[in-house]
C-alpha atoms as a PDB file:
ATOM      1  CA  MET A   1      10.886  18.731 -32.318  1.00  0.00           C
ATOM      2  CA  ASN A   2       8.790  21.852 -30.949  1.00  0.00           C
ATOM      3  CA  ASN A   3      10.985  24.935 -30.722  1.00  0.00           C
ATOM      4  CA  ALA A   4       8.590  26.767 -27.995  1.00  0.00           C
ATOM      5  CA  ARG A   5       9.732  23.692 -25.574  1.00  0.00           C
ATOM      6  CA  TYR A   6      13.619  25.351 -25.620  1.00  0.00           C
ATOM      7  CA  VAL A   7      15.633  27.985 -25.489  1.00  0.00           C
ATOM      8  CA  THR A   8      18.098  27.585 -28.201  1.00  0.00           C
ATOM      9  CA  THR A   9      21.688  28.838 -28.569  1.00  0.00           C
ATOM     10  CA  ASP A  10      24.273  28.092 -30.497  1.00  0.00           C
ATOM     11  CA  ASN A  11      26.586  30.624 -29.168  1.00  0.00           C
ATOM     12  CA  ALA A  12      28.289  28.378 -26.655  1.00  0.00           C
ATOM     13  CA  GLN A  13      31.341  26.146 -26.247  1.00  0.00           C
ATOM     14  CA  VAL A  14      32.831  23.404 -23.996  1.00  0.00           C
ATOM     15  CA  ASP A  15      34.336  25.634 -21.407  1.00  0.00           C
ATOM     16  CA  GLY A  16      37.034  24.848 -18.551  1.00  0.00           C
ATOM     17  CA  THR A  17      38.811  26.485 -14.772  1.00  0.00           C
ATOM     18  CA  GLN A  18      41.746  28.095 -15.926  1.00  0.00           C
ATOM     19  CA  ILE A  19      44.468  27.448 -14.122  1.00  0.00           C
ATOM     20  CA  THR A  20      46.977  30.116 -14.815  1.00  0.00           C
ATOM     21  CA  VAL A  21      51.027  29.220 -13.863  1.00  0.00           C
ATOM     22  CA  THR A  22      52.807  32.691 -13.433  1.00  0.00           C
ATOM     23  CA  ALA A  23      56.451  33.424 -13.272  1.00  0.00           C
ATOM     24  CA  PRO A  24      57.024  33.952  -9.368  1.00  0.00           C
ATOM     25  CA  THR A  25      60.308  36.409 -10.000  1.00  0.00           C
ATOM     26  CA  SER A  26      61.532  38.430 -12.433  1.00  0.00           C
ATOM     27  CA  GLY A  27      63.746  36.631 -14.176  1.00  0.00           C
ATOM     28  CA  THR A  28      65.215  34.582 -17.052  1.00  0.00           C
ATOM     29  CA  LEU A  29      63.499  31.321 -17.783  1.00  0.00           C
ATOM     30  CA  THR A  30      64.860  28.431 -17.634  1.00  0.00           C
ATOM     31  CA  ASP A  31      64.056  24.415 -17.543  1.00  0.00           C
ATOM     32  CA  TRP A  32      60.478  25.238 -18.755  1.00  0.00           C
ATOM     33  CA  THR A  33      58.588  21.688 -19.429  1.00  0.00           C
ATOM     34  CA  ALA A  34      54.969  22.741 -19.687  1.00  0.00           C
ATOM     35  CA  THR A  35      54.385  22.475 -23.469  1.00  0.00           C
ATOM     36  CA  MET A  36      50.984  22.358 -25.100  1.00  0.00           C
ATOM     37  CA  GLY A  37      49.253  19.088 -23.743  1.00  0.00           C
ATOM     38  CA  THR A  38      51.441  18.011 -20.585  1.00  0.00           C
ATOM     39  CA  SER A  39      49.837  16.772 -17.719  1.00  0.00           C
ATOM     40  CA  LEU A  40      50.463  18.594 -14.773  1.00  0.00           C
ATOM     41  CA  THR A  41      50.511  17.738 -11.231  1.00  0.00           C
ATOM     42  CA  ALA A  42      49.683  20.419  -8.382  1.00  0.00           C
ATOM     43  CA  GLY A  43      52.628  21.654  -7.101  1.00  0.00           C
ATOM     44  CA  GLN A  44      54.875  20.167  -9.834  1.00  0.00           C
ATOM     45  CA  VAL A  45      57.841  21.831 -11.048  1.00  0.00           C
ATOM     46  CA  VAL A  46      57.586  23.465 -14.570  1.00  0.00           C
ATOM     47  CA  GLY A  47      60.634  25.591 -14.791  1.00  0.00           C
ATOM     48  CA  ARG A  48      62.956  28.174 -12.867  1.00  0.00           C
ATOM     49  CA  VAL A  49      63.746  31.772 -12.920  1.00  0.00           C
ATOM     50  CA  ALA A  50      67.170  32.785 -12.439  1.00  0.00           C
ATOM     51  CA  VAL A  51      67.033  35.802 -10.742  1.00  0.00           C
ATOM     52  CA  GLN A  52      69.975  38.232 -11.582  1.00  0.00           C
ATOM     53  CA  THR A  53      71.584  40.200  -8.301  1.00  0.00           C
ATOM     54  CA  GLY A  54      74.967  40.571  -9.357  1.00  0.00           C
ATOM     55  CA  TYR A  55      77.453  37.680  -9.470  1.00  0.00           C
ATOM     56  CA  LEU A  56      74.949  35.260  -7.976  1.00  0.00           C
ATOM     57  CA  GLN A  57      72.408  34.020 -10.080  1.00  0.00           C
ATOM     58  CA  PRO A  58      69.885  32.202  -7.129  1.00  0.00           C
ATOM     59  CA  GLN A  59      66.913  30.269  -8.986  1.00  0.00           C
ATOM     60  CA  VAL A  60      63.245  30.674  -7.922  1.00  0.00           C
ATOM     61  CA  VAL A  61      61.078  27.304  -8.997  1.00  0.00           C
ATOM     62  CA  VAL A  62      58.226  27.743 -10.862  1.00  0.00           C
ATOM     63  CA  ARG A  63      55.575  25.271 -10.141  1.00  0.00           C
ATOM     64  CA  ALA A  64      52.045  24.171 -11.458  1.00  0.00           C
ATOM     65  CA  PRO A  65      49.172  25.706  -8.979  1.00  0.00           C
ATOM     66  CA  ALA A  66      46.819  22.485  -9.645  1.00  0.00           C
ATOM     67  CA  ALA A  67      46.577  19.261 -12.076  1.00  0.00           C
ATOM     68  CA  GLY A  68      45.796  20.451 -15.617  1.00  0.00           C
ATOM     69  CA  VAL A  69      46.792  19.856 -18.923  1.00  0.00           C
ATOM     70  CA  VAL A  70      48.516  22.757 -20.971  1.00  0.00           C
ATOM     71  CA  ALA A  71      46.127  24.522 -23.232  1.00  0.00           C
ATOM     72  CA  VAL A  72      48.326  27.593 -23.966  1.00  0.00           C
ATOM     73  CA  ASN A  73      51.914  28.066 -23.723  1.00  0.00           C
ATOM     74  CA  ASN A  74      53.777  31.258 -22.841  1.00  0.00           C
ATOM     75  CA  GLY A  75      57.076  30.214 -21.849  1.00  0.00           C
ATOM     76  CA  VAL A  76      60.225  30.150 -23.774  1.00  0.00           C
ATOM     77  CA  ASN A  77      63.780  28.803 -22.260  1.00  0.00           C
ATOM     78  CA  GLY A  78      65.936  32.261 -21.746  1.00  0.00           C
ATOM     79  CA  SER A  79      63.429  34.236 -22.180  1.00  0.00           C
ATOM     80  CA  PHE A  80      63.047  37.761 -19.883  1.00  0.00           C
ATOM     81  CA  VAL A  81      59.666  37.282 -17.370  1.00  0.00           C
ATOM     82  CA  ALA A  82      58.598  39.765 -15.304  1.00  0.00           C
ATOM     83  CA  ALA A  83      57.080  38.527 -11.937  1.00  0.00           C
ATOM     84  CA  GLY A  84      53.396  37.672 -12.353  1.00  0.00           C
ATOM     85  CA  THR A  85      53.772  36.975 -16.019  1.00  0.00           C
ATOM     86  CA  SER A  86      51.360  34.349 -17.068  1.00  0.00           C
ATOM     87  CA  LEU A  87      53.602  31.288 -18.663  1.00  0.00           C
ATOM     88  CA  ALA A  88      50.899  29.056 -19.348  1.00  0.00           C
ATOM     89  CA  ILE A  89      47.039  28.456 -19.032  1.00  0.00           C
ATOM     90  CA  ALA A  90      45.787  24.413 -18.253  1.00  0.00           C
ATOM     91  CA  TYR A  91      42.374  23.192 -17.473  1.00  0.00           C
ATOM     92  CA  ASP A  92      41.173  20.275 -15.841  1.00  0.00           C
ATOM     93  CA  PRO A  93      40.069  18.099 -18.249  1.00  0.00           C
ATOM     94  CA  SER A  94      37.446  15.805 -16.092  1.00  0.00           C
ATOM     95  CA  ASP A  95      35.726  19.799 -15.230  1.00  0.00           C
ATOM     96  CA  VAL A  96      34.822  20.779 -18.244  1.00  0.00           C
ATOM     97  CA  TYR A  97      31.194  22.199 -18.556  1.00  0.00           C
ATOM     98  CA  VAL A  98      29.227  24.437 -21.568  1.00  0.00           C
ATOM     99  CA  THR A  99      28.809  27.903 -21.206  1.00  0.00           C
ATOM    100  CA  ALA A 100      26.063  28.976 -23.071  1.00  0.00           C
ATOM    101  CA  ARG A 101      25.356  32.388 -24.390  1.00  0.00           C
ATOM    102  CA  VAL A 102      21.524  33.303 -24.668  1.00  0.00           C
ATOM    103  CA  GLU A 103      19.881  35.899 -25.434  1.00  0.00           C
ATOM    104  CA  GLU A 104      18.570  38.566 -22.942  1.00  0.00           C
ATOM    105  CA  THR A 105      14.646  38.281 -24.546  1.00  0.00           C
ATOM    106  CA  GLU A 106      15.044  34.716 -23.701  1.00  0.00           C
ATOM    107  CA  ILE A 107      17.048  34.245 -20.239  1.00  0.00           C
ATOM    108  CA  SER A 108      13.749  34.634 -17.997  1.00  0.00           C
ATOM    109  CA  ASP A 109      12.972  31.209 -19.364  1.00  0.00           C
ATOM    110  CA  VAL A 110      16.340  29.905 -18.284  1.00  0.00           C
ATOM    111  CA  LYS A 111      16.466  28.815 -14.433  1.00  0.00           C
ATOM    112  CA  VAL A 112      18.980  26.933 -12.366  1.00  0.00           C
ATOM    113  CA  GLY A 113      18.176  23.168 -12.505  1.00  0.00           C
ATOM    114  CA  GLN A 114      16.964  22.738 -16.139  1.00  0.00           C
ATOM    115  CA  GLN A 115      17.680  20.277 -18.186  1.00  0.00           C
ATOM    116  CA  VAL A 116      19.766  20.717 -20.871  1.00  0.00           C
ATOM    117  CA  ASP A 117      20.564  18.832 -24.305  1.00  0.00           C
ATOM    118  CA  ILE A 118      24.097  19.678 -25.764  1.00  0.00           C
ATOM    119  CA  SER A 119      25.055  18.820 -29.154  1.00  0.00           C
ATOM    120  CA  VAL A 120      29.019  19.139 -29.334  1.00  0.00           C
ATOM    121  CA  ASP A 121      29.678  20.115 -33.293  1.00  0.00           C
ATOM    122  CA  ALA A 122      33.010  17.665 -32.927  1.00  0.00           C
ATOM    123  CA  PHE A 123      31.067  14.727 -31.863  1.00  0.00           C
ATOM    124  CA  PRO A 124      27.708  14.977 -33.850  1.00  0.00           C
ATOM    125  CA  SER A 125      26.282  11.768 -33.724  1.00  0.00           C
ATOM    126  CA  THR A 126      27.021  11.442 -29.711  1.00  0.00           C
ATOM    127  CA  PRO A 127      24.099  13.740 -27.950  1.00  0.00           C
ATOM    128  CA  LEU A 128      24.580  15.135 -24.724  1.00  0.00           C
ATOM    129  CA  THR A 129      22.778  16.132 -21.380  1.00  0.00           C
ATOM    130  CA  GLY A 130      23.191  18.729 -18.765  1.00  0.00           C
ATOM    131  CA  HIS A 131      21.496  21.005 -16.265  1.00  0.00           C
ATOM    132  CA  VAL A 132      21.748  24.686 -15.731  1.00  0.00           C
ATOM    133  CA  VAL A 133      23.990  25.111 -12.802  1.00  0.00           C
ATOM    134  CA  GLU A 134      24.456  29.511 -13.136  1.00  0.00           C
ATOM    135  CA  ILE A 135      23.105  32.047 -14.684  1.00  0.00           C
ATOM    136  CA  LYS A 136      25.573  35.006 -14.763  1.00  0.00           C
ATOM    137  CA  THR A 137      24.439  38.239 -13.003  1.00  0.00           C
ATOM    138  CA  GLY A 138      25.085  40.503 -16.135  1.00  0.00           C
ATOM    139  CA  ALA A 139      25.584  40.951 -20.240  1.00  0.00           C
ATOM    140  CA  ALA A 140      28.549  39.494 -21.850  1.00  0.00           C
ATOM    141  CA  ALA A 141      28.845  43.166 -23.078  1.00  0.00           C
ATOM    142  CA  VAL A 142      29.644  44.367 -19.173  1.00  0.00           C
ATOM    143  CA  PHE A 143      32.796  42.412 -18.959  1.00  0.00           C
ATOM    144  CA  SER A 144      34.038  43.166 -22.144  1.00  0.00           C
ATOM    145  CA  LEU A 145      37.548  44.456 -22.312  1.00  0.00           C
ATOM    146  CA  PHE A 146      36.348  47.018 -24.873  1.00  0.00           C
ATOM    147  CA  GLY A 147      33.049  48.507 -23.308  1.00  0.00           C
ATOM    148  CA  GLN A 148      30.449  49.191 -26.423  1.00  0.00           C
ATOM    149  CA  SER A 149      30.099  52.812 -26.410  1.00  0.00           C
ATOM    150  CA  ASN A 150      28.802  54.964 -28.941  1.00  0.00           C
ATOM    151  CA  SER A 151      30.502  58.318 -30.238  1.00  0.00           C
ATOM    152  CA  THR A 152      28.123  59.070 -33.256  1.00  0.00           C
ATOM    153  CA  GLY A 153      25.129  59.659 -31.116  1.00  0.00           C
ATOM    154  CA  ASN A 154      23.123  56.857 -33.410  1.00  0.00           C
ATOM    155  CA  PHE A 155      22.403  55.196 -30.926  1.00  0.00           C
ATOM    156  CA  GLN A 156      21.172  51.214 -32.061  1.00  0.00           C
ATOM    157  CA  LYS A 157      19.960  49.013 -29.691  1.00  0.00           C
ATOM    158  CA  VAL A 158      21.819  45.568 -29.733  1.00  0.00           C
ATOM    159  CA  THR A 159      20.466  42.224 -28.406  1.00  0.00           C
ATOM    160  CA  GLN A 160      22.859  41.733 -25.572  1.00  0.00           C
ATOM    161  CA  VAL A 161      23.777  37.776 -24.409  1.00  0.00           C
ATOM    162  CA  ILE A 162      23.738  36.489 -21.050  1.00  0.00           C
ATOM    163  CA  ALA A 163      26.435  33.491 -20.019  1.00  0.00           C
ATOM    164  CA  VAL A 164      24.526  30.652 -18.493  1.00  0.00           C
ATOM    165  CA  LYS A 165      27.088  27.436 -17.015  1.00  0.00           C
ATOM    166  CA  VAL A 166      25.542  24.020 -17.218  1.00  0.00           C
ATOM    167  CA  ALA A 167      27.046  20.745 -16.098  1.00  0.00           C
ATOM    168  CA  ILE A 168      27.150  17.788 -18.277  1.00  0.00           C
ATOM    169  CA  ASP A 169      26.094  14.625 -16.886  1.00  0.00           C
ATOM    170  CA  ASP A 170      27.567  12.344 -18.632  1.00  0.00           C
ATOM    171  CA  ARG A 171      30.795  12.982 -20.922  1.00  0.00           C
ATOM    172  CA  GLN A 172      29.924   9.253 -22.407  1.00  0.00           C
ATOM    173  CA  GLY A 173      34.179   8.949 -22.728  1.00  0.00           C
ATOM    174  CA  LEU A 174      34.427  12.279 -24.773  1.00  0.00           C
ATOM    175  CA  ALA A 175      37.596  13.932 -25.054  1.00  0.00           C
ATOM    176  CA  LEU A 176      35.988  17.198 -24.413  1.00  0.00           C
ATOM    177  CA  VAL A 177      38.450  20.534 -24.501  1.00  0.00           C
ATOM    178  CA  PRO A 178      37.481  23.960 -23.732  1.00  0.00           C
ATOM    179  CA  GLY A 179      36.841  26.421 -27.252  1.00  0.00           C
ATOM    180  CA  MET A 180      34.868  23.365 -28.927  1.00  0.00           C
ATOM    181  CA  ASN A 181      31.837  24.417 -30.285  1.00  0.00           C
ATOM    182  CA  VAL A 182      28.315  23.498 -28.627  1.00  0.00           C
ATOM    183  CA  THR A 183      24.542  23.649 -29.546  1.00  0.00           C
ATOM    184  CA  ALA A 184      22.561  23.938 -26.483  1.00  0.00           C
ATOM    185  CA  LYS A 185      19.099  23.126 -26.204  1.00  0.00           C
ATOM    186  CA  ILE A 186      17.818  24.176 -22.460  1.00  0.00           C
ATOM    187  CA  GLU A 187      14.225  22.953 -21.736  1.00  0.00           C
ATOM    188  CA  LYS A 188      11.600  25.672 -20.647  1.00  0.00           C
END
């Protein structure tokens, strides 16, 4: 194994496009069915929000915006929700990919289309392959909720990482879920 042939990172994980189920209006959440692991179809009714308007309590339907599997459930029957509140986050298990974070000092060796050897920690005896489909245009710290600031005046340069999206060529029947740790070896 010649490491000069690869850009290798273990700062990588299985990822997927998030599908967020939100409250369409403010009110009391009822009939909530989107629990962890639940498979959703696009437009499926997953609950209702009872709107408090005087004596009447009309109910607004909560629908899944797309098909997916619930990974995070924030919905609680009987709780008050505000319009736009995230009730659940799902992902499409047939459309998972790898997000590999490559150090800025090595990113010039990474190009769209390059072959990637993928090792998923949960399945160490099953090597996968993929290819680079996207290189983000900013360092991860730029998009952080809490930006890096230096109020002490003692500047210390820190190597940044750039997110690289890797499509998985053949999942080989593995049950890959977002968050699984991965080692990615990108061929130069």
